Amino acid sequence: MNKGKGTAKVLFVVTSCDVKGDTGIPTGFNLSEVTHPLEKLEESGVIVNIASIKGGKAPLDGLEDFNDPVNAKYWADTDFRNALENTLKLDDVKAGDYDAIFFAGGHGTMWDFADSPAVLRLVPQFYESGKIVSAVCHGPAALVNVKLSNGLYLVAGKNVAAFTNGEEEEVQSTNVVPFLLEDALIGHGANYKHSSNWSNNIAIDGKLITGQNPQSAASVGLAIVKALKINTDGNADSKPAVTPDFISSVSPTLSKYTVEKLVGEVWERPGLSKHDRCIVSISSLIARNHTVGMPHYFSKALENGVTPGELSEIITHLAFYSGWPNAFSAVGIAKELFAGKGILQAELPSTEPLRLDKNEALPGDENRLGFIQQNIEPMSEGFAKYTNELLYGEVWLRSGLSSRSRSLATVCAMIAAGDIQFLGLYMDRAVQHGISKEEMDEVLTQLAFYAGWPKIVSATLVVKEVYEGIGK
């Protein structure tokens, strides 16, 4: 352990709790949730210290798999064993001595992480000084009650992954733990990122990095390495496919309009967030299969708050509205971008995420069902089946993209492709998902530059009718 000579330092924190409440059942920290991220960090030269709530010998949870080569390697390491026997007392640690903090899991954390004064003191110090806060499995119990200096919970509005209720049930601990971690995080405002039990799943929200279970531990370690900006493989971020100089070599006037009007004015107009403007633009590009602009605008989206998971979901969603070939083109561009930025597979949405409430995701869906039954099913039973069971039974209910963003991507793709026959139906849903008239004003303005003026003229008449009909 700590054989490297790196300058970055990370503090690992493990539980001191060795029994599950008053049950008498032994517990502690999970070994693989320490060794697997530790290996990734040490491969990059990171120095790691291990602390626990009380300091001294840290208890193992008794679930060690020594057939795991990573566990076996570290268990044979005298320095590692010594670090576990003599952990630092967390209350004695200073945030200023480290670049990141990582909370390993194990059921013991559920009794001594959430309300630890040392945890509640240190985590805001790390986070508010721009340092990495990370955790895996039950480790995010350390984040549940943390409040920042503004009085808000750290996890409020953040993408977070942690041990799921389903996993807790599977290990028969639902009625043993003092609280359910998934419920507690959601209760304090977290955007909980769920995957199927025991699958590799992490959530990255700025400097906050969390993983769902032991299977996610190595990915959390890799994400910390990435966030520390060390040991990169030399891949450069994707460059803009079209630069002002490139445009000017053929059309100086188009270059001038691009720089002064599109970039300098339209993208800076109030009324629509940069996040949403990116969704508008990339949805238009995918709908029209304009691959030349995808590298630049996909990268711009990631720089303006669109997560890799959201981009992945938009591509998946628009496969149904723009066709699989268009989606495959987008996948090819995004794959190269993700590789260049070091985005991990575990950051992307699960194939089996949590489902959104159907009444909220698809308000008024009975009208669509009636139309399909009366007009589509008699002619094409197969199309009706996949529309109802797959597109509306699964895709629209996936939690990897908010209903509002899903509606925004859909109407933008339809407008960009000139498919306005059923735009009114989708605009009704977009309104119910919270897209205001003022925001739609900006959406149409933005789309004019990406889809062309004629398409916006046609779409505006439909959009106008929808908003004028509200309340009637």
Protein backbone atom coordinates (compact mmCIF):
# COMPACT_ATOMS: atom_id res chain seq x y z
CA MET A 1 0.00 0.00 0.00
CA ASN A 2 1.16 3.53 -0.88
CA LYS A 3 4.13 2.32 -2.84
CA GLY A 4 3.73 5.17 -5.36
CA LYS A 5 5.08 8.70 -5.26
CA GLY A 6 2.01 10.66 -6.28
CA THR A 7 1.10 14.04 -4.86
CA ALA A 8 -2.68 13.53 -4.72
CA LYS A 9 -4.04 12.27 -1.40
CA VAL A 10 -7.39 10.64 -0.73
CA LEU A 11 -8.94 9.83 2.64
CA PHE A 12 -10.82 6.53 2.86
CA VAL A 13 -13.36 6.31 5.69
CA VAL A 14 -14.72 3.03 7.05
CA THR A 15 -17.16 2.19 9.83
CA SER A 16 -16.25 1.47 13.43
CA CYS A 17 -19.56 -0.29 14.08
CA ASP A 18 -19.12 -4.05 14.54
CA VAL A 19 -22.70 -5.15 15.34
CA LYS A 20 -26.04 -4.51 13.64
CA GLY A 21 -27.88 -2.50 16.27
CA ASP A 22 -29.26 -4.66 19.08
CA THR A 23 -29.45 -7.80 16.94
CA GLY A 24 -26.05 -9.12 18.00
CA ILE A 25 -25.27 -9.82 14.31
CA PRO A 26 -21.62 -8.95 13.53
CA THR A 27 -20.93 -6.34 10.86
CA GLY A 28 -18.29 -3.85 9.76
CA PHE A 29 -16.90 -2.52 6.47
CA ASN A 30 -16.91 -4.37 3.18
CA LEU A 31 -13.38 -5.32 2.16
CA SER A 32 -13.88 -5.18 -1.62
CA GLU A 33 -15.36 -1.71 -1.32
CA VAL A 34 -11.98 -0.62 0.02
CA THR A 35 -9.60 -2.73 -2.06
CA HIS A 36 -11.16 -2.23 -5.50
CA PRO A 37 -11.17 1.58 -5.51
CA LEU A 38 -7.85 1.55 -3.67
CA GLU A 39 -6.26 -0.44 -6.49
CA LYS A 40 -7.47 2.05 -9.12
CA LEU A 41 -6.14 4.99 -7.14
CA GLU A 42 -2.79 3.41 -6.36
CA GLU A 43 -2.30 2.48 -10.01
CA SER A 44 -2.40 6.24 -10.62
CA GLY A 45 0.04 7.04 -7.83
CA VAL A 46 -2.52 8.38 -5.36
CA ILE A 47 -1.62 8.27 -1.67
CA VAL A 48 -4.44 6.85 0.46
CA ASN A 49 -4.94 7.07 4.22
CA ILE A 50 -7.66 5.11 6.03
CA ALA A 51 -9.74 6.56 8.83
CA SER A 52 -12.70 5.28 10.80
CA ILE A 53 -15.25 6.94 13.04
CA LYS A 54 -13.52 5.91 16.28
CA GLY A 55 -10.03 5.23 14.97
CA GLY A 56 -7.97 2.13 15.70
CA LYS A 57 -8.91 -1.33 14.43
CA ALA A 58 -11.66 -1.30 11.82
CA PRO A 59 -14.08 -4.26 11.87
CA LEU A 60 -14.67 -6.34 8.74
CA ASP A 61 -18.22 -7.34 7.94
CA GLY A 62 -17.41 -11.05 7.65
CA LEU A 63 -18.32 -11.22 3.96
CA GLU A 64 -14.75 -11.24 2.64
CA ASP A 65 -14.11 -13.05 -0.62
CA PHE A 66 -10.43 -13.98 -0.62
CA ASN A 67 -10.83 -15.72 -3.97
CA ASP A 68 -11.14 -12.20 -5.33
CA PRO A 69 -7.59 -11.48 -6.56
CA VAL A 70 -7.76 -7.82 -5.55
CA ASN A 71 -8.83 -8.70 -2.01
CA ALA A 72 -6.17 -11.41 -1.84
CA LYS A 73 -3.45 -9.02 -3.04
CA TYR A 74 -4.17 -6.41 -0.41
CA TRP A 75 -4.81 -8.91 2.38
CA ALA A 76 -1.27 -10.16 1.82
CA ASP A 77 0.04 -6.59 2.01
CA THR A 78 1.45 -5.92 5.50
CA ASP A 79 1.13 -2.15 5.14
CA PHE A 80 -2.55 -2.46 4.19
CA ARG A 81 -3.31 -4.77 7.11
CA ASN A 82 -1.49 -2.38 9.44
CA ALA A 83 -3.55 0.56 8.11
CA LEU A 84 -6.76 -1.32 8.98
CA GLU A 85 -5.47 -2.15 12.46
CA ASN A 86 -4.53 1.48 13.11
CA THR A 87 -7.02 3.66 11.29
CA LEU A 88 -6.98 7.39 11.89
CA LYS A 89 -9.73 8.79 14.09
CA LEU A 90 -11.97 10.77 11.77
CA ASP A 91 -12.40 13.57 14.27
CA ASP A 92 -8.63 14.21 14.10
CA VAL A 93 -8.55 14.55 10.30
CA LYS A 94 -8.24 17.89 8.51
CA ALA A 95 -9.90 18.36 5.13
CA GLY A 96 -7.03 20.56 4.02
CA ASP A 97 -4.67 17.57 4.03
CA TYR A 98 -6.56 15.71 1.29
CA ASP A 99 -7.86 16.15 -2.24
CA ALA A 100 -10.83 13.81 -1.86
CA ILE A 101 -12.78 11.82 0.69
CA PHE A 102 -14.26 8.38 0.04
CA PHE A 103 -16.74 6.50 2.25
CA ALA A 104 -16.63 2.71 1.87
CA GLY A 105 -19.71 0.64 2.59
CA GLY A 106 -20.62 -2.30 4.72
CA HIS A 107 -23.73 -2.46 6.91
CA GLY A 108 -21.93 -0.97 9.90
CA THR A 109 -22.05 2.45 8.23
CA MET A 110 -25.82 2.53 8.71
CA TRP A 111 -25.29 2.95 12.46
CA ASP A 112 -22.35 5.34 12.70
CA PHE A 113 -22.03 7.41 9.50
CA ALA A 114 -25.24 9.42 9.14
CA ASP A 115 -25.10 11.34 12.42
CA SER A 116 -21.34 11.39 13.03
CA PRO A 117 -20.27 14.93 14.03
CA ALA A 118 -16.95 14.35 12.26
CA VAL A 119 -18.73 13.36 9.03
CA LEU A 120 -21.12 16.31 9.25
CA ARG A 121 -18.16 18.65 9.75
CA LEU A 122 -15.74 17.27 7.18
CA VAL A 123 -17.96 16.58 4.18
CA PRO A 124 -19.08 20.22 3.72
CA GLN A 125 -15.45 21.31 4.09
CA PHE A 126 -14.39 19.01 1.28
CA TYR A 127 -17.34 19.79 -0.96
CA GLU A 128 -17.43 23.56 -0.53
CA SER A 129 -13.70 23.84 -1.19
CA GLY A 130 -14.18 22.12 -4.55
CA LYS A 131 -12.79 18.75 -3.46
CA ILE A 132 -14.19 15.34 -4.32
CA VAL A 133 -16.77 13.68 -2.06
CA SER A 134 -17.37 10.04 -2.92
CA ALA A 135 -18.96 6.90 -1.51
CA VAL A 136 -20.14 3.44 -2.50
CA CYS A 137 -22.89 1.00 -1.47
CA HIS A 138 -23.85 1.83 2.15
CA GLY A 139 -21.11 4.47 2.24
CA PRO A 140 -23.54 7.19 1.06
CA ALA A 141 -25.12 6.90 4.52
CA ALA A 142 -22.44 9.49 5.32
CA LEU A 143 -24.16 11.94 2.94
CA VAL A 144 -27.75 11.58 4.10
CA ASN A 145 -27.76 14.29 6.77
CA VAL A 146 -24.95 16.54 5.53
CA LYS A 147 -25.97 20.16 5.12
CA LEU A 148 -24.00 22.84 3.32
CA SER A 149 -23.39 26.36 4.57
CA ASN A 150 -26.58 27.52 2.81
CA GLY A 151 -28.61 25.19 5.02
CA LEU A 152 -29.55 22.82 2.20
CA TYR A 153 -28.85 19.11 2.17
CA LEU A 154 -25.79 18.23 0.11
CA VAL A 155 -27.71 15.57 -1.82
CA ALA A 156 -30.67 17.83 -2.66
CA GLY A 157 -30.99 18.01 -6.43
CA LYS A 158 -27.87 15.87 -6.93
CA ASN A 159 -27.57 12.62 -8.86
CA VAL A 160 -26.79 9.94 -6.29
CA ALA A 161 -26.40 6.15 -6.40
CA ALA A 162 -26.41 3.91 -3.32
CA PHE A 163 -27.55 0.50 -2.05
CA THR A 164 -31.13 0.01 -3.21
CA ASN A 165 -34.20 -1.05 -1.29
CA GLY A 166 -34.33 -4.11 -3.53
CA GLU A 167 -30.78 -5.10 -2.65
CA GLU A 168 -31.51 -4.55 1.05
CA GLU A 169 -34.50 -6.84 0.76
CA GLU A 170 -32.46 -9.45 -1.07
CA VAL A 171 -29.92 -9.63 1.78
CA GLN A 172 -32.83 -9.79 4.26
CA SER A 173 -31.88 -6.57 6.05
CA THR A 174 -34.90 -4.37 5.34
CA ASN A 175 -36.10 -4.69 8.92
CA VAL A 176 -32.62 -4.74 10.42
CA VAL A 177 -31.08 -1.44 9.27
CA PRO A 178 -32.17 1.71 11.12
CA PHE A 179 -33.32 3.30 7.85
CA LEU A 180 -33.46 2.44 4.17
CA LEU A 181 -30.69 4.32 2.40
CA GLU A 182 -32.57 4.75 -0.87
CA ASP A 183 -35.58 6.24 0.92
CA ALA A 184 -33.46 8.53 3.09
CA LEU A 185 -31.56 9.98 0.15
CA ILE A 186 -34.73 10.55 -1.87
CA GLY A 187 -36.35 12.06 1.23
CA HIS A 188 -33.61 14.69 1.38
CA GLY A 189 -34.02 15.59 -2.28
CA ALA A 190 -31.52 13.36 -4.08
CA ASN A 191 -32.06 12.40 -7.71
CA TYR A 192 -31.61 8.72 -6.98
CA LYS A 193 -29.95 6.80 -9.83
CA HIS A 194 -31.14 3.22 -9.66
CA SER A 195 -30.04 0.12 -11.53
CA SER A 196 -30.94 -3.54 -11.28
CA ASN A 197 -29.67 -5.38 -8.21
CA TRP A 198 -25.93 -6.01 -8.12
CA SER A 199 -25.18 -4.22 -11.38
CA ASN A 200 -22.30 -1.79 -11.81
CA ASN A 201 -23.88 1.67 -11.49
CA ILE A 202 -22.39 5.01 -10.47
CA ALA A 203 -23.63 8.59 -10.42
CA ILE A 204 -21.37 11.58 -11.01
CA ASP A 205 -22.64 15.06 -10.22
CA GLY A 206 -19.74 17.46 -10.39
CA LYS A 207 -17.42 16.58 -7.52
CA LEU A 208 -19.96 14.19 -5.97
CA ILE A 209 -19.30 10.56 -6.98
CA THR A 210 -21.37 7.66 -5.69
CA GLY A 211 -21.81 3.97 -6.49
CA GLN A 212 -24.66 1.54 -5.89
CA ASN A 213 -23.06 -1.62 -4.52
CA PRO A 214 -19.81 -3.64 -4.23
CA GLN A 215 -19.91 -4.27 -7.98
CA SER A 216 -19.59 -0.50 -8.49
CA ALA A 217 -16.57 0.02 -6.24
CA ALA A 218 -13.87 -0.15 -8.93
CA SER A 219 -15.84 2.24 -11.14
CA VAL A 220 -16.05 4.73 -8.29
CA GLY A 221 -12.27 4.48 -7.95
CA LEU A 222 -11.81 5.14 -11.66
CA ALA A 223 -14.19 8.10 -11.45
CA ILE A 224 -12.15 9.58 -8.58
CA VAL A 225 -9.01 9.20 -10.69
CA LYS A 226 -10.74 10.96 -13.55
CA ALA A 227 -11.96 13.76 -11.29
CA LEU A 228 -8.46 14.23 -9.92
CA LYS A 229 -7.32 14.65 -13.54
CA ILE A 230 -4.46 12.20 -13.21
CA ASN A 231 -3.22 9.19 -15.14
CA THR A 232 -5.23 10.07 -18.25
CA ASP A 233 -4.64 8.03 -21.33
CA GLY A 234 -3.83 11.05 -23.47
CA ASN A 235 -7.11 11.09 -25.36
CA ALA A 236 -8.05 14.66 -26.13
CA ASP A 237 -11.61 15.90 -25.90
CA SER A 238 -13.41 15.96 -29.20
CA LYS A 239 -12.71 19.15 -31.08
CA PRO A 240 -15.47 21.25 -32.59
CA ALA A 241 -16.14 19.89 -36.06
CA VAL A 242 -16.90 23.36 -37.41
CA THR A 243 -14.85 26.39 -36.33
CA PRO A 244 -15.29 30.06 -37.34
CA ASP A 245 -12.11 29.81 -39.43
CA PHE A 246 -13.41 26.67 -41.12
CA ILE A 247 -16.67 28.43 -42.03
CA SER A 248 -14.91 31.63 -43.05
CA SER A 249 -12.77 29.75 -45.58
CA VAL A 250 -15.94 29.33 -47.66
CA SER A 251 -18.39 31.93 -46.33
CA PRO A 252 -17.05 34.83 -44.25
CA THR A 253 -20.59 36.15 -43.90
CA LEU A 254 -21.92 32.86 -42.49
CA SER A 255 -18.98 32.84 -40.08
CA LYS A 256 -19.88 36.39 -38.99
CA TYR A 257 -23.54 35.47 -38.45
CA THR A 258 -22.54 32.32 -36.56
CA VAL A 259 -20.23 34.15 -34.18
CA GLU A 260 -22.23 37.33 -33.68
CA LYS A 261 -25.83 36.17 -33.93
CA LEU A 262 -26.08 32.44 -33.16
CA VAL A 263 -23.32 32.17 -30.55
CA GLY A 264 -23.19 35.77 -29.38
CA GLU A 265 -26.92 36.46 -29.17
CA VAL A 266 -29.21 33.42 -29.49
CA TRP A 267 -27.27 31.19 -27.09
CA GLU A 268 -27.13 34.04 -24.57
CA ARG A 269 -30.80 34.98 -24.64
CA PRO A 270 -32.63 34.72 -21.29
CA GLY A 271 -35.70 32.57 -21.00
CA LEU A 272 -34.15 29.15 -21.59
CA SER A 273 -31.27 27.54 -19.72
CA LYS A 274 -28.08 26.48 -21.48
CA HIS A 275 -28.94 22.91 -20.46
CA ASP A 276 -32.23 23.11 -22.35
CA ARG A 277 -30.70 24.93 -25.34
CA CYS A 278 -28.28 22.02 -25.65
CA ILE A 279 -31.16 19.53 -25.65
CA VAL A 280 -32.89 21.59 -28.35
CA SER A 281 -29.79 21.62 -30.54
CA ILE A 282 -28.71 18.00 -30.16
CA SER A 283 -32.28 16.77 -30.69
CA SER A 284 -32.41 18.70 -33.95
CA LEU A 285 -29.06 17.30 -35.06
CA ILE A 286 -30.09 13.71 -34.30
CA ALA A 287 -33.48 14.13 -35.98
CA ARG A 288 -31.82 15.41 -39.17
CA ASN A 289 -28.80 13.08 -38.89
CA HIS A 290 -26.43 16.05 -39.09
CA THR A 291 -23.33 14.26 -37.83
CA VAL A 292 -20.93 17.11 -38.72
CA GLY A 293 -22.19 19.19 -35.79
CA MET A 294 -22.60 16.37 -33.29
CA PRO A 295 -19.03 16.29 -31.84
CA HIS A 296 -19.16 19.99 -30.99
CA TYR A 297 -22.71 20.10 -29.68
CA PHE A 298 -22.52 16.83 -27.75
CA SER A 299 -19.40 18.18 -26.03
CA LYS A 300 -21.09 21.54 -25.45
CA ALA A 301 -24.03 19.71 -23.88
CA LEU A 302 -21.77 17.93 -21.37
CA GLU A 303 -20.15 21.27 -20.52
CA ASN A 304 -23.55 22.85 -19.84
CA GLY A 305 -25.05 20.38 -17.40
CA VAL A 306 -26.39 17.64 -19.67
CA THR A 307 -25.09 14.47 -18.06
CA PRO A 308 -23.69 11.54 -20.05
CA GLY A 309 -26.73 9.60 -18.86
CA GLU A 310 -29.12 12.23 -20.22
CA LEU A 311 -27.33 12.28 -23.58
CA SER A 312 -27.52 8.48 -23.67
CA GLU A 313 -31.26 8.58 -22.93
CA ILE A 314 -31.94 11.26 -25.56
CA ILE A 315 -30.23 9.14 -28.21
CA THR A 316 -32.23 6.08 -27.11
CA HIS A 317 -35.48 8.02 -27.03
CA LEU A 318 -34.99 9.62 -30.42
CA ALA A 319 -34.31 6.24 -32.02
CA PHE A 320 -38.11 5.86 -31.86
CA TYR A 321 -38.83 9.28 -33.33
CA SER A 322 -36.00 9.66 -35.85
CA GLY A 323 -35.15 6.03 -36.58
CA TRP A 324 -32.49 3.57 -35.49
CA PRO A 325 -30.00 4.63 -38.24
CA ASN A 326 -29.99 8.23 -36.96
CA ALA A 327 -29.52 6.97 -33.40
CA PHE A 328 -26.65 4.73 -34.50
CA SER A 329 -24.95 7.74 -36.12
CA ALA A 330 -25.27 9.62 -32.83
CA VAL A 331 -23.95 6.61 -30.90
CA GLY A 332 -20.80 6.60 -33.03
CA ILE A 333 -20.11 10.27 -32.26
CA ALA A 334 -20.98 9.97 -28.56
CA LYS A 335 -18.84 6.85 -28.15
CA GLU A 336 -15.75 8.72 -29.33
CA LEU A 337 -16.59 11.69 -27.11
CA PHE A 338 -17.17 9.49 -24.05
CA ALA A 339 -13.85 7.75 -24.60
CA GLY A 340 -12.05 11.07 -24.91
CA LYS A 341 -13.59 12.38 -21.71
CA GLY A 342 -13.07 9.15 -19.77
CA ILE A 343 -16.80 8.61 -19.23
CA LEU A 344 -17.43 5.19 -17.74
CA GLN A 345 -20.07 2.64 -18.71
CA ALA A 346 -21.27 2.70 -15.10
CA GLU A 347 -22.24 6.38 -15.51
CA LEU A 348 -24.83 5.52 -18.15
CA PRO A 349 -28.45 4.60 -17.42
CA SER A 350 -29.27 1.04 -16.53
CA THR A 351 -31.27 -1.14 -18.88
CA GLU A 352 -33.67 -1.56 -15.96
CA PRO A 353 -33.94 1.80 -14.17
CA LEU A 354 -36.61 2.93 -11.79
CA ARG A 355 -39.88 3.64 -13.58
CA LEU A 356 -41.55 7.03 -13.42
CA ASP A 357 -45.15 7.29 -12.31
CA LYS A 358 -47.19 6.74 -15.46
CA ASN A 359 -49.81 9.36 -14.59
CA GLU A 360 -47.09 12.00 -14.27
CA ALA A 361 -44.98 10.87 -17.23
CA LEU A 362 -47.94 10.34 -19.58
CA PRO A 363 -50.83 12.58 -18.49
CA GLY A 364 -53.97 12.04 -20.54
CA ASP A 365 -52.57 8.91 -22.16
CA GLU A 366 -56.03 7.40 -22.53
CA ASN A 367 -56.59 9.61 -25.60
CA ARG A 368 -53.50 8.18 -27.28
CA LEU A 369 -54.51 4.63 -26.38
CA GLY A 370 -57.94 5.20 -27.89
CA PHE A 371 -56.46 6.55 -31.10
CA ILE A 372 -54.07 3.61 -31.42
CA GLN A 373 -56.85 1.11 -30.77
CA GLN A 374 -59.24 2.68 -33.24
CA ASN A 375 -56.90 3.73 -36.06
CA ILE A 376 -53.62 1.84 -35.86
CA GLU A 377 -54.29 -1.61 -34.40
CA PRO A 378 -56.79 -2.70 -37.10
CA MET A 379 -54.14 -2.05 -39.75
CA SER A 380 -50.90 -2.95 -37.94
CA GLU A 381 -51.14 -5.04 -34.78
CA GLY A 382 -47.34 -5.19 -34.50
CA PHE A 383 -46.87 -1.42 -34.65
CA ALA A 384 -49.64 -0.95 -32.08
CA LYS A 385 -48.05 -3.55 -29.81
CA TYR A 386 -44.58 -1.95 -29.81
CA THR A 387 -46.06 1.53 -29.47
CA ASN A 388 -48.05 0.64 -26.38
CA GLU A 389 -45.72 -1.88 -24.74
CA LEU A 390 -42.27 -0.57 -25.65
CA LEU A 391 -42.39 3.15 -26.48
CA TYR A 392 -45.07 4.11 -23.95
CA GLY A 393 -44.83 1.13 -21.64
CA GLU A 394 -41.07 1.41 -21.14
CA VAL A 395 -39.22 4.25 -22.88
CA TRP A 396 -41.39 7.16 -21.74
CA LEU A 397 -41.29 5.80 -18.18
CA ARG A 398 -37.49 5.48 -17.89
CA SER A 399 -36.10 7.58 -15.06
CA GLY A 400 -32.80 8.39 -16.78
CA LEU A 401 -34.34 11.53 -18.26
CA SER A 402 -36.92 13.79 -16.69
CA SER A 403 -40.35 13.86 -18.30
CA ARG A 404 -39.84 17.54 -19.10
CA SER A 405 -36.54 16.92 -20.90
CA ARG A 406 -38.02 13.92 -22.71
CA SER A 407 -40.91 16.04 -23.97
CA LEU A 408 -38.52 18.82 -24.97
CA ALA A 409 -36.33 16.43 -26.98
CA THR A 410 -39.38 14.88 -28.64
CA VAL A 411 -41.06 18.09 -29.82
CA CYS A 412 -37.72 19.50 -31.00
CA ALA A 413 -36.99 16.37 -33.03
CA MET A 414 -40.46 16.42 -34.55
CA ILE A 415 -40.21 20.09 -35.48
CA ALA A 416 -36.70 19.67 -36.90
CA ALA A 417 -37.86 16.75 -39.04
CA GLY A 418 -41.01 18.59 -40.16
CA ASP A 419 -43.27 15.99 -38.54
CA ILE A 420 -46.02 18.27 -37.28
CA GLN A 421 -49.14 16.17 -37.92
CA PHE A 422 -49.24 15.06 -34.27
CA LEU A 423 -47.17 17.89 -32.82
CA GLY A 424 -50.23 19.26 -31.04
CA LEU A 425 -50.60 16.06 -29.01
CA TYR A 426 -46.95 16.14 -27.97
CA MET A 427 -47.11 19.86 -27.21
CA ASP A 428 -50.09 19.25 -24.90
CA ARG A 429 -47.93 16.78 -23.01
CA ALA A 430 -44.95 19.18 -23.00
CA VAL A 431 -47.14 21.88 -21.44
CA GLN A 432 -48.24 19.45 -18.74
CA HIS A 433 -44.57 18.62 -18.15
CA GLY A 434 -43.94 22.28 -17.37
CA ILE A 435 -42.61 23.84 -20.58
CA SER A 436 -43.94 27.38 -20.49
CA LYS A 437 -45.00 29.58 -23.42
CA GLU A 438 -41.99 31.82 -22.77
CA GLU A 439 -39.63 28.83 -22.89
CA MET A 440 -41.25 27.53 -26.07
CA ASP A 441 -40.73 30.98 -27.60
CA GLU A 442 -37.00 30.48 -27.06
CA VAL A 443 -37.11 26.86 -28.25
CA LEU A 444 -38.57 27.96 -31.59
CA THR A 445 -36.04 30.78 -31.89
CA GLN A 446 -33.17 28.38 -31.25
CA LEU A 447 -34.55 25.73 -33.60
CA ALA A 448 -34.83 28.19 -36.47
CA PHE A 449 -31.03 28.24 -36.72
CA TYR A 450 -30.71 24.44 -36.57
CA ALA A 451 -33.73 23.21 -38.52
CA GLY A 452 -34.42 26.13 -40.85
CA TRP A 453 -36.96 28.94 -40.92
CA PRO A 454 -39.70 27.17 -42.96
CA LYS A 455 -40.08 24.34 -40.44
CA ILE A 456 -40.43 26.82 -37.60
CA VAL A 457 -43.14 28.79 -39.39
CA SER A 458 -45.22 25.62 -39.77
CA ALA A 459 -44.59 24.48 -36.19
CA THR A 460 -45.31 27.91 -34.69
CA LEU A 461 -48.93 27.76 -35.86
CA VAL A 462 -49.44 24.46 -34.00
CA VAL A 463 -47.62 25.63 -30.86
CA LYS A 464 -49.58 28.90 -30.82
CA GLU A 465 -52.87 27.01 -30.95
CA VAL A 466 -51.85 24.79 -28.02
CA TYR A 467 -50.97 27.67 -25.71
CA GLU A 468 -54.02 29.69 -26.73
CA GLY A 469 -56.15 26.67 -25.85
CA ILE A 470 -54.90 26.42 -22.25
CA GLY A 471 -57.75 26.96 -19.83
CA LYS A 472 -60.46 26.85 -22.47
